[in-house]
Amino acid sequence: MKAYKQRFYLTLRQLEKEFNACRSRSDAYKDRKENLNWITLSRQLTLVKNTQP
């Protein structure tokens, strides 16, 4: 089995999108005590991708 180590150099816009996604998950728990599982997050991501280019 081989393992690969990769680095990703994200732009500021890409980093902002990632941090906003993390923030929305933590805010959902903090505000509504709602645990967002993988299926829920996947559905939300699909909706966001379809509405925002």
PDB file of N, CA and C in Angstrom:
ATOM      1  N   MET A   1       0.846  -1.168   0.000  1.00  0.00           N
ATOM      2  CA  MET A   1       0.000   0.000   0.000  1.00  0.00           C
ATOM      3  C   MET A   1       0.898   1.239   0.000  1.00  0.00           C
ATOM      4  N   LYS A   2       0.576   2.174  -0.864  1.00  0.00           N
ATOM      5  CA  LYS A   2       1.344   3.406  -0.952  1.00  0.00           C
ATOM      6  C   LYS A   2       0.545   4.551  -0.346  1.00  0.00           C
ATOM      7  N   ALA A   3       1.252   5.468   0.222  1.00  0.00           N
ATOM      8  CA  ALA A   3       0.622   6.667   0.765  1.00  0.00           C
ATOM      9  C   ALA A   3       1.221   7.877   0.057  1.00  0.00           C
ATOM     10  N   TYR A   4       0.385   8.829  -0.230  1.00  0.00           N
ATOM     11  CA  TYR A   4       0.826  10.053  -0.885  1.00  0.00           C
ATOM     12  C   TYR A   4       0.527  11.234   0.022  1.00  0.00           C
ATOM     13  N   LYS A   5       1.451  12.139   0.063  1.00  0.00           N
ATOM     14  CA  LYS A   5       1.268  13.353   0.843  1.00  0.00           C
ATOM     15  C   LYS A   5       1.158  14.504  -0.143  1.00  0.00           C
ATOM     16  N   GLN A   6       0.059  15.240  -0.062  1.00  0.00           N
ATOM     17  CA  GLN A   6      -0.156  16.336  -1.001  1.00  0.00           C
ATOM     18  C   GLN A   6      -0.436  17.620  -0.244  1.00  0.00           C
ATOM     19  N   ARG A   7      -0.026  18.702  -0.837  1.00  0.00           N
ATOM     20  CA  ARG A   7      -0.329  20.025  -0.294  1.00  0.00           C
ATOM     21  C   ARG A   7      -1.246  20.731  -1.261  1.00  0.00           C
ATOM     22  N   PHE A   8      -2.170  21.462  -0.692  1.00  0.00           N
ATOM     23  CA  PHE A   8      -3.079  22.245  -1.510  1.00  0.00           C
ATOM     24  C   PHE A   8      -2.895  23.710  -1.148  1.00  0.00           C
ATOM     25  N   TYR A   9      -2.708  24.516  -2.147  1.00  0.00           N
ATOM     26  CA  TYR A   9      -2.546  25.945  -1.941  1.00  0.00           C
ATOM     27  C   TYR A   9      -3.819  26.623  -2.421  1.00  0.00           C
ATOM     28  N   LEU A  10      -4.654  26.980  -1.471  1.00  0.00           N
ATOM     29  CA  LEU A  10      -5.951  27.555  -1.792  1.00  0.00           C
ATOM     30  C   LEU A  10      -5.855  29.065  -1.931  1.00  0.00           C
ATOM     31  N   THR A  11      -6.725  29.603  -2.755  1.00  0.00           N
ATOM     32  CA  THR A  11      -6.817  31.051  -2.864  1.00  0.00           C
ATOM     33  C   THR A  11      -7.598  31.575  -1.667  1.00  0.00           C
ATOM     34  N   LEU A  12      -7.573  32.876  -1.478  1.00  0.00           N
ATOM     35  CA  LEU A  12      -8.312  33.461  -0.359  1.00  0.00           C
ATOM     36  C   LEU A  12      -9.811  33.196  -0.481  1.00  0.00           C
ATOM     37  N   ARG A  13     -10.324  33.231  -1.693  1.00  0.00           N
ATOM     38  CA  ARG A  13     -11.753  32.978  -1.899  1.00  0.00           C
ATOM     39  C   ARG A  13     -12.111  31.530  -1.532  1.00  0.00           C
ATOM     40  N   GLN A  14     -11.259  30.586  -1.912  1.00  0.00           N
ATOM     41  CA  GLN A  14     -11.504  29.189  -1.576  1.00  0.00           C
ATOM     42  C   GLN A  14     -11.438  28.965  -0.067  1.00  0.00           C
ATOM     43  N   LEU A  15     -10.476  29.598   0.587  1.00  0.00           N
ATOM     44  CA  LEU A  15     -10.378  29.489   2.041  1.00  0.00           C
ATOM     45  C   LEU A  15     -11.609  30.067   2.720  1.00  0.00           C
ATOM     46  N   GLU A  16     -12.085  31.188   2.218  1.00  0.00           N
ATOM     47  CA  GLU A  16     -13.269  31.823   2.778  1.00  0.00           C
ATOM     48  C   GLU A  16     -14.481  30.898   2.680  1.00  0.00           C
ATOM     49  N   LYS A  17     -14.634  30.231   1.542  1.00  0.00           N
ATOM     50  CA  LYS A  17     -15.754  29.305   1.365  1.00  0.00           C
ATOM     51  C   LYS A  17     -15.656  28.136   2.346  1.00  0.00           C
ATOM     52  N   GLU A  18     -14.458  27.621   2.552  1.00  0.00           N
ATOM     53  CA  GLU A  18     -14.271  26.502   3.476  1.00  0.00           C
ATOM     54  C   GLU A  18     -14.587  26.911   4.908  1.00  0.00           C
ATOM     55  N   PHE A  19     -14.086  28.076   5.311  1.00  0.00           N
ATOM     56  CA  PHE A  19     -14.336  28.532   6.672  1.00  0.00           C
ATOM     57  C   PHE A  19     -15.810  28.851   6.892  1.00  0.00           C
ATOM     58  N   ASN A  20     -16.483  29.381   5.877  1.00  0.00           N
ATOM     59  CA  ASN A  20     -17.915  29.638   6.007  1.00  0.00           C
ATOM     60  C   ASN A  20     -18.692  28.343   6.170  1.00  0.00           C
ATOM     61  N   ALA A  21     -18.280  27.289   5.479  1.00  0.00           N
ATOM     62  CA  ALA A  21     -18.947  25.996   5.619  1.00  0.00           C
ATOM     63  C   ALA A  21     -18.770  25.454   7.034  1.00  0.00           C
ATOM     64  N   CYS A  22     -17.567  25.565   7.570  1.00  0.00           N
ATOM     65  CA  CYS A  22     -17.322  25.108   8.941  1.00  0.00           C
ATOM     66  C   CYS A  22     -18.102  25.946   9.937  1.00  0.00           C
ATOM     67  N   ARG A  23     -18.153  27.240   9.694  1.00  0.00           N
ATOM     68  CA  ARG A  23     -18.859  28.140  10.590  1.00  0.00           C
ATOM     69  C   ARG A  23     -20.353  27.843  10.599  1.00  0.00           C
ATOM     70  N   SER A  24     -20.923  27.540   9.444  1.00  0.00           N
ATOM     71  CA  SER A  24     -22.358  27.272   9.396  1.00  0.00           C
ATOM     72  C   SER A  24     -22.695  26.003  10.162  1.00  0.00           C
ATOM     73  N   ARG A  25     -21.805  25.022  10.132  1.00  0.00           N
ATOM     74  CA  ARG A  25     -22.057  23.786  10.881  1.00  0.00           C
ATOM     75  C   ARG A  25     -21.980  24.037  12.384  1.00  0.00           C
ATOM     76  N   SER A  26     -20.972  24.776  12.821  1.00  0.00           N
ATOM     77  CA  SER A  26     -20.850  25.049  14.253  1.00  0.00           C
ATOM     78  C   SER A  26     -21.950  25.985  14.734  1.00  0.00           C
ATOM     79  N   ASP A  27     -22.380  26.929  13.889  1.00  0.00           N
ATOM     80  CA  ASP A  27     -23.486  27.814  14.262  1.00  0.00           C
ATOM     81  C   ASP A  27     -24.794  27.048  14.401  1.00  0.00           C
ATOM     82  N   ALA A  28     -25.010  26.054  13.556  1.00  0.00           N
ATOM     83  CA  ALA A  28     -26.229  25.246  13.647  1.00  0.00           C
ATOM     84  C   ALA A  28     -26.289  24.540  14.991  1.00  0.00           C
ATOM     85  N   TYR A  29     -25.165  24.051  15.455  1.00  0.00           N
ATOM     86  CA  TYR A  29     -25.166  23.385  16.753  1.00  0.00           C
ATOM     87  C   TYR A  29     -25.313  24.393  17.888  1.00  0.00           C
ATOM     88  N   LYS A  30     -24.595  25.500  17.779  1.00  0.00           N
ATOM     89  CA  LYS A  30     -24.625  26.495  18.849  1.00  0.00           C
ATOM     90  C   LYS A  30     -26.009  27.127  18.997  1.00  0.00           C
ATOM     91  N   ASP A  31     -26.655  27.450  17.876  1.00  0.00           N
ATOM     92  CA  ASP A  31     -27.941  28.142  17.915  1.00  0.00           C
ATOM     93  C   ASP A  31     -29.120  27.208  18.155  1.00  0.00           C
ATOM     94  N   ARG A  32     -29.119  26.070  17.448  1.00  0.00           N
ATOM     95  CA  ARG A  32     -30.295  25.188  17.485  1.00  0.00           C
ATOM     96  C   ARG A  32     -30.028  23.833  18.114  1.00  0.00           C
ATOM     97  N   LYS A  33     -28.807  23.598  18.590  1.00  0.00           N
ATOM     98  CA  LYS A  33     -28.406  22.291  19.130  1.00  0.00           C
ATOM     99  C   LYS A  33     -28.687  21.181  18.123  1.00  0.00           C
ATOM    100  N   GLU A  34     -28.431  21.484  16.852  1.00  0.00           N
ATOM    101  CA  GLU A  34     -28.706  20.559  15.758  1.00  0.00           C
ATOM    102  C   GLU A  34     -27.393  19.982  15.243  1.00  0.00           C
ATOM    103  N   ASN A  35     -27.289  18.661  15.273  1.00  0.00           N
ATOM    104  CA  ASN A  35     -26.117  17.991  14.707  1.00  0.00           C
ATOM    105  C   ASN A  35     -26.370  17.742  13.236  1.00  0.00           C
ATOM    106  N   LEU A  36     -25.525  18.285  12.399  1.00  0.00           N
ATOM    107  CA  LEU A  36     -25.671  18.090  10.960  1.00  0.00           C
ATOM    108  C   LEU A  36     -24.817  16.902  10.540  1.00  0.00           C
ATOM    109  N   ASN A  37     -25.471  15.866  10.057  1.00  0.00           N
ATOM    110  CA  ASN A  37     -24.732  14.686   9.624  1.00  0.00           C
ATOM    111  C   ASN A  37     -24.299  14.835   8.169  1.00  0.00           C
ATOM    112  N   TRP A  38     -23.610  13.838   7.668  1.00  0.00           N
ATOM    113  CA  TRP A  38     -23.049  13.901   6.325  1.00  0.00           C
ATOM    114  C   TRP A  38     -24.134  14.039   5.273  1.00  0.00           C
ATOM    115  N   ILE A  39     -25.238  13.332   5.425  1.00  0.00           N
ATOM    116  CA  ILE A  39     -26.313  13.361   4.430  1.00  0.00           C
ATOM    117  C   ILE A  39     -26.930  14.756   4.349  1.00  0.00           C
ATOM    118  N   THR A  40     -27.199  15.355   5.486  1.00  0.00           N
ATOM    119  CA  THR A  40     -27.779  16.700   5.516  1.00  0.00           C
ATOM    120  C   THR A  40     -26.833  17.712   4.882  1.00  0.00           C
ATOM    121  N   LEU A  41     -25.564  17.635   5.238  1.00  0.00           N
ATOM    122  CA  LEU A  41     -24.585  18.566   4.677  1.00  0.00           C
ATOM    123  C   LEU A  41     -24.421  18.364   3.178  1.00  0.00           C
ATOM    124  N   SER A  42     -24.486  17.131   2.724  1.00  0.00           N
ATOM    125  CA  SER A  42     -24.372  16.845   1.298  1.00  0.00           C
ATOM    126  C   SER A  42     -25.540  17.450   0.525  1.00  0.00           C
ATOM    127  N   ARG A  43     -26.736  17.334   1.070  1.00  0.00           N
ATOM    128  CA  ARG A  43     -27.915  17.923   0.417  1.00  0.00           C
ATOM    129  C   ARG A  43     -27.811  19.442   0.365  1.00  0.00           C
ATOM    130  N   GLN A  44     -27.374  20.037   1.469  1.00  0.00           N
ATOM    131  CA  GLN A  44     -27.227  21.489   1.495  1.00  0.00           C
ATOM    132  C   GLN A  44     -26.166  21.947   0.500  1.00  0.00           C
ATOM    133  N   LEU A  45     -25.084  21.208   0.401  1.00  0.00           N
ATOM    134  CA  LEU A  45     -24.024  21.560  -0.535  1.00  0.00           C
ATOM    135  C   LEU A  45     -24.525  21.513  -1.969  1.00  0.00           C
ATOM    136  N   THR A  46     -25.329  20.517  -2.294  1.00  0.00           N
ATOM    137  CA  THR A  46     -25.893  20.407  -3.636  1.00  0.00           C
ATOM    138  C   THR A  46     -26.771  21.610  -3.950  1.00  0.00           C
ATOM    139  N   LEU A  47     -27.584  22.022  -2.988  1.00  0.00           N
ATOM    140  CA  LEU A  47     -28.443  23.190  -3.197  1.00  0.00           C
ATOM    141  C   LEU A  47     -27.621  24.453  -3.406  1.00  0.00           C
ATOM    142  N   VAL A  48     -26.587  24.617  -2.612  1.00  0.00           N
ATOM    143  CA  VAL A  48     -25.744  25.808  -2.727  1.00  0.00           C
ATOM    144  C   VAL A  48     -25.020  25.822  -4.066  1.00  0.00           C
ATOM    145  N   LYS A  49     -24.512  24.679  -4.484  1.00  0.00           N
ATOM    146  CA  LYS A  49     -23.801  24.620  -5.767  1.00  0.00           C
ATOM    147  C   LYS A  49     -24.726  24.930  -6.932  1.00  0.00           C
ATOM    148  N   ASN A  50     -25.988  24.541  -6.832  1.00  0.00           N
ATOM    149  CA  ASN A  50     -26.935  24.812  -7.912  1.00  0.00           C
ATOM    150  C   ASN A  50     -27.370  26.273  -7.957  1.00  0.00           C
ATOM    151  N   THR A  51     -27.348  26.956  -6.813  1.00  0.00           N
ATOM    152  CA  THR A  51     -27.802  28.343  -6.778  1.00  0.00           C
ATOM    153  C   THR A  51     -26.659  29.345  -6.936  1.00  0.00           C
ATOM    154  N   GLN A  52     -25.451  28.962  -6.535  1.00  0.00           N
ATOM    155  CA  GLN A  52     -24.312  29.876  -6.621  1.00  0.00           C
ATOM    156  C   GLN A  52     -23.251  29.283  -7.534  1.00  0.00           C
ATOM    157  N   PRO A  53     -22.888  29.993  -8.581  1.00  0.00           N
ATOM    158  CA  PRO A  53     -21.862  29.456  -9.499  1.00  0.00           C
ATOM    159  C   PRO A  53     -20.474  29.437  -8.887  1.00  0.00           C
TER     160      PRO A  53
END
